[in-house]
């Protein structure tokens, strides 16, 4: 069952900006450094799942320690994603909506439903 999220990007950005300002970290938060940090955090999430079967990956949240790790890694990934977007003045909500529209064109339901092929491999019917 999908959870309902009350995600407020502006609230998170405000909290993040205050956190960064208090520590005077803007100097270090270049797009290059932030993207590298993001890649590292994604790697840490991947490491949790690395040797699990697909079935085991769905059960991982039953282990409290692993669940905590996953929560923290996802938070880190979100942190760096928001920070890069903020530093580059990217409106993430607008970008996400644009990307969903683009993907809707690339992956029409008729061709992609139940199909994991990349849009370049889909055959027009």
C-alpha atoms as a PDB file:
ATOM      1  CA  UNK A   1       0.000   0.000   0.000  1.00  0.00           C
ATOM      2  CA  UNK A   2       1.399   3.377  -0.996  1.00  0.00           C
ATOM      3  CA  UNK A   3       1.957   5.895   1.757  1.00  0.00           C
ATOM      4  CA  UNK A   4       0.651   9.422   1.463  1.00  0.00           C
ATOM      5  CA  UNK A   5       3.364  12.026   1.617  1.00  0.00           C
ATOM      6  CA  UNK A   6       2.928  15.620   2.607  1.00  0.00           C
ATOM      7  CA  UNK A   7       6.164  16.704   1.034  1.00  0.00           C
ATOM      8  CA  UNK A   8       6.960  20.387   1.330  1.00  0.00           C
ATOM      9  CA  UNK A   9      10.089  21.233  -0.645  1.00  0.00           C
ATOM     10  CA  UNK A  10      10.096  24.864   0.488  1.00  0.00           C
ATOM     11  CA  UNK A  11       9.990  23.859   4.155  1.00  0.00           C
ATOM     12  CA  UNK A  12      12.869  21.412   3.636  1.00  0.00           C
ATOM     13  CA  UNK A  13      14.887  24.017   1.717  1.00  0.00           C
ATOM     14  CA  UNK A  14      14.369  26.566   4.489  1.00  0.00           C
ATOM     15  CA  UNK A  15      15.596  24.088   7.111  1.00  0.00           C
ATOM     16  CA  UNK A  16      18.511  23.058   4.926  1.00  0.00           C
ATOM     17  CA  UNK A  17      19.565  26.630   4.165  1.00  0.00           C
ATOM     18  CA  UNK A  18      19.580  27.494   7.873  1.00  0.00           C
ATOM     19  CA  UNK A  19      21.621  24.377   8.644  1.00  0.00           C
ATOM     20  CA  UNK A  20      24.185  25.194   5.945  1.00  0.00           C
ATOM     21  CA  UNK A  21      24.370  28.906   6.783  1.00  0.00           C
ATOM     22  CA  UNK A  22      24.965  28.201  10.463  1.00  0.00           C
ATOM     23  CA  UNK A  23      27.971  26.064   9.516  1.00  0.00           C
ATOM     24  CA  UNK A  24      29.200  28.359   6.705  1.00  0.00           C
ATOM     25  CA  UNK A  25      29.238  25.471   4.237  1.00  0.00           C
ATOM     26  CA  UNK A  26      28.161  27.366   1.092  1.00  0.00           C
ATOM     27  CA  UNK A  27      31.814  27.645   0.099  1.00  0.00           C
ATOM     28  CA  UNK A  28      32.054  23.854  -0.098  1.00  0.00           C
ATOM     29  CA  UNK A  29      28.658  23.237  -1.652  1.00  0.00           C
ATOM     30  CA  UNK A  30      29.604  23.580  -5.287  1.00  0.00           C
ATOM     31  CA  UNK A  31      27.567  21.634  -7.842  1.00  0.00           C
ATOM     32  CA  UNK A  32      30.619  19.424  -8.433  1.00  0.00           C
ATOM     33  CA  UNK A  33      31.104  18.613  -4.752  1.00  0.00           C
ATOM     34  CA  UNK A  34      27.412  18.108  -4.133  1.00  0.00           C
ATOM     35  CA  UNK A  35      26.991  15.787  -7.115  1.00  0.00           C
ATOM     36  CA  UNK A  36      29.961  13.734  -5.940  1.00  0.00           C
ATOM     37  CA  UNK A  37      28.495  13.540  -2.424  1.00  0.00           C
ATOM     38  CA  UNK A  38      25.152  12.492  -3.929  1.00  0.00           C
ATOM     39  CA  UNK A  39      26.825   9.706  -5.907  1.00  0.00           C
ATOM     40  CA  UNK A  40      28.496   8.499  -2.719  1.00  0.00           C
ATOM     41  CA  UNK A  41      25.197   8.370  -0.851  1.00  0.00           C
ATOM     42  CA  UNK A  42      23.516   6.501  -3.704  1.00  0.00           C
ATOM     43  CA  UNK A  43      26.397   4.029  -3.524  1.00  0.00           C
ATOM     44  CA  UNK A  44      25.758   3.531   0.193  1.00  0.00           C
ATOM     45  CA  UNK A  45      22.092   2.758  -0.523  1.00  0.00           C
ATOM     46  CA  UNK A  46      23.054   0.362  -3.310  1.00  0.00           C
ATOM     47  CA  UNK A  47      25.453  -1.403  -0.951  1.00  0.00           C
ATOM     48  CA  UNK A  48      22.565  -2.351   1.353  1.00  0.00           C
ATOM     49  CA  UNK A  49      20.845  -4.208  -1.501  1.00  0.00           C
ATOM     50  CA  UNK A  50      23.940  -5.397  -3.359  1.00  0.00           C
ATOM     51  CA  UNK A  51      23.830  -9.127  -2.646  1.00  0.00           C
ATOM     52  CA  UNK A  52      20.133  -9.540  -1.946  1.00  0.00           C
ATOM     53  CA  UNK A  53      17.771 -11.338  -4.250  1.00  0.00           C
ATOM     54  CA  UNK A  54      14.825  -9.364  -5.610  1.00  0.00           C
ATOM     55  CA  UNK A  55      12.589 -11.105  -3.081  1.00  0.00           C
ATOM     56  CA  UNK A  56      14.954 -10.352  -0.181  1.00  0.00           C
ATOM     57  CA  UNK A  57      15.057  -6.692  -1.178  1.00  0.00           C
ATOM     58  CA  UNK A  58      11.330  -6.429  -0.433  1.00  0.00           C
ATOM     59  CA  UNK A  59      11.855  -7.920   3.021  1.00  0.00           C
ATOM     60  CA  UNK A  60      14.767  -5.678   4.047  1.00  0.00           C
ATOM     61  CA  UNK A  61      12.627  -3.247   6.057  1.00  0.00           C
ATOM     62  CA  UNK A  62      11.757  -6.030   8.507  1.00  0.00           C
ATOM     63  CA  UNK A  63      15.315  -5.743   9.843  1.00  0.00           C
ATOM     64  CA  UNK A  64      15.276  -2.663  12.116  1.00  0.00           C
ATOM     65  CA  UNK A  65      18.969  -1.933  11.584  1.00  0.00           C
ATOM     66  CA  UNK A  66      18.688  -2.119   7.797  1.00  0.00           C
ATOM     67  CA  UNK A  67      15.499  -0.060   7.864  1.00  0.00           C
ATOM     68  CA  UNK A  68      17.297   2.676   9.794  1.00  0.00           C
ATOM     69  CA  UNK A  69      20.195   2.596   7.317  1.00  0.00           C
ATOM     70  CA  UNK A  70      17.778   2.897   4.389  1.00  0.00           C
ATOM     71  CA  UNK A  71      15.955   5.811   6.018  1.00  0.00           C
ATOM     72  CA  UNK A  72      19.249   7.617   6.572  1.00  0.00           C
ATOM     73  CA  UNK A  73      20.618   6.967   3.090  1.00  0.00           C
ATOM     74  CA  UNK A  74      17.393   8.118   1.434  1.00  0.00           C
ATOM     75  CA  UNK A  75      17.449  11.251   3.587  1.00  0.00           C
ATOM     76  CA  UNK A  76      21.059  11.900   2.542  1.00  0.00           C
ATOM     77  CA  UNK A  77      20.130  11.413  -1.124  1.00  0.00           C
ATOM     78  CA  UNK A  78      17.234  13.831  -0.773  1.00  0.00           C
ATOM     79  CA  UNK A  79      19.474  16.297   1.106  1.00  0.00           C
ATOM     80  CA  UNK A  80      22.033  16.429  -1.693  1.00  0.00           C
ATOM     81  CA  UNK A  81      19.389  16.471  -4.438  1.00  0.00           C
ATOM     82  CA  UNK A  82      17.685  19.449  -2.813  1.00  0.00           C
ATOM     83  CA  UNK A  83      21.004  21.180  -2.176  1.00  0.00           C
ATOM     84  CA  UNK A  84      22.180  20.854  -5.791  1.00  0.00           C
ATOM     85  CA  UNK A  85      18.817  22.101  -7.050  1.00  0.00           C
ATOM     86  CA  UNK A  86      18.970  25.036  -4.647  1.00  0.00           C
ATOM     87  CA  UNK A  87      22.515  25.996  -5.620  1.00  0.00           C
ATOM     88  CA  UNK A  88      21.638  25.834  -9.338  1.00  0.00           C
ATOM     89  CA  UNK A  89      18.214  27.473  -8.901  1.00  0.00           C
ATOM     90  CA  UNK A  90      16.316  24.477 -10.266  1.00  0.00           C
ATOM     91  CA  UNK A  91      12.604  24.340  -9.479  1.00  0.00           C
ATOM     92  CA  UNK A  92      12.357  20.634  -8.653  1.00  0.00           C
ATOM     93  CA  UNK A  93       8.573  20.525  -8.753  1.00  0.00           C
ATOM     94  CA  UNK A  94       8.546  22.043 -12.233  1.00  0.00           C
ATOM     95  CA  UNK A  95      11.429  19.808 -13.354  1.00  0.00           C
ATOM     96  CA  UNK A  96       9.639  16.698 -12.093  1.00  0.00           C
ATOM     97  CA  UNK A  97       6.403  17.596 -13.846  1.00  0.00           C
ATOM     98  CA  UNK A  98       8.287  18.293 -17.093  1.00  0.00           C
ATOM     99  CA  UNK A  99      10.122  14.967 -16.811  1.00  0.00           C
ATOM    100  CA  UNK A 100       6.901  13.056 -16.175  1.00  0.00           C
ATOM    101  CA  UNK A 101       5.359  14.641 -19.281  1.00  0.00           C
ATOM    102  CA  UNK A 102       8.447  13.749 -21.317  1.00  0.00           C
ATOM    103  CA  UNK A 103       8.371  10.170 -20.060  1.00  0.00           C
ATOM    104  CA  UNK A 104       4.650   9.885 -20.781  1.00  0.00           C
ATOM    105  CA  UNK A 105       5.479  10.607 -24.438  1.00  0.00           C
ATOM    106  CA  UNK A 106       8.476   8.266 -24.465  1.00  0.00           C
ATOM    107  CA  UNK A 107       6.610   5.466 -22.715  1.00  0.00           C
ATOM    108  CA  UNK A 108       3.036   5.398 -23.986  1.00  0.00           C
ATOM    109  CA  UNK A 109       0.908   3.021 -21.916  1.00  0.00           C
ATOM    110  CA  UNK A 110       0.002   0.999 -24.997  1.00  0.00           C
ATOM    111  CA  UNK A 111       3.666   0.138 -25.664  1.00  0.00           C
ATOM    112  CA  UNK A 112       5.199   0.134 -22.215  1.00  0.00           C
ATOM    113  CA  UNK A 113       2.620  -1.370 -19.866  1.00  0.00           C
ATOM    114  CA  UNK A 114       4.252  -4.379 -18.187  1.00  0.00           C
ATOM    115  CA  UNK A 115       7.380  -3.844 -20.292  1.00  0.00           C
ATOM    116  CA  UNK A 116      10.772  -2.815 -18.903  1.00  0.00           C
ATOM    117  CA  UNK A 117      12.358  -1.904 -22.239  1.00  0.00           C
ATOM    118  CA  UNK A 118      13.928   1.513 -22.718  1.00  0.00           C
ATOM    119  CA  UNK A 119      11.878   3.903 -24.828  1.00  0.00           C
ATOM    120  CA  UNK A 120      14.389   3.599 -27.690  1.00  0.00           C
ATOM    121  CA  UNK A 121      13.620  -0.134 -27.858  1.00  0.00           C
ATOM    122  CA  UNK A 122       9.850   0.116 -27.877  1.00  0.00           C
ATOM    123  CA  UNK A 123       8.253  -0.810 -31.185  1.00  0.00           C
ATOM    124  CA  UNK A 124       5.470   1.336 -32.545  1.00  0.00           C
ATOM    125  CA  UNK A 125       2.369  -0.742 -33.092  1.00  0.00           C
END
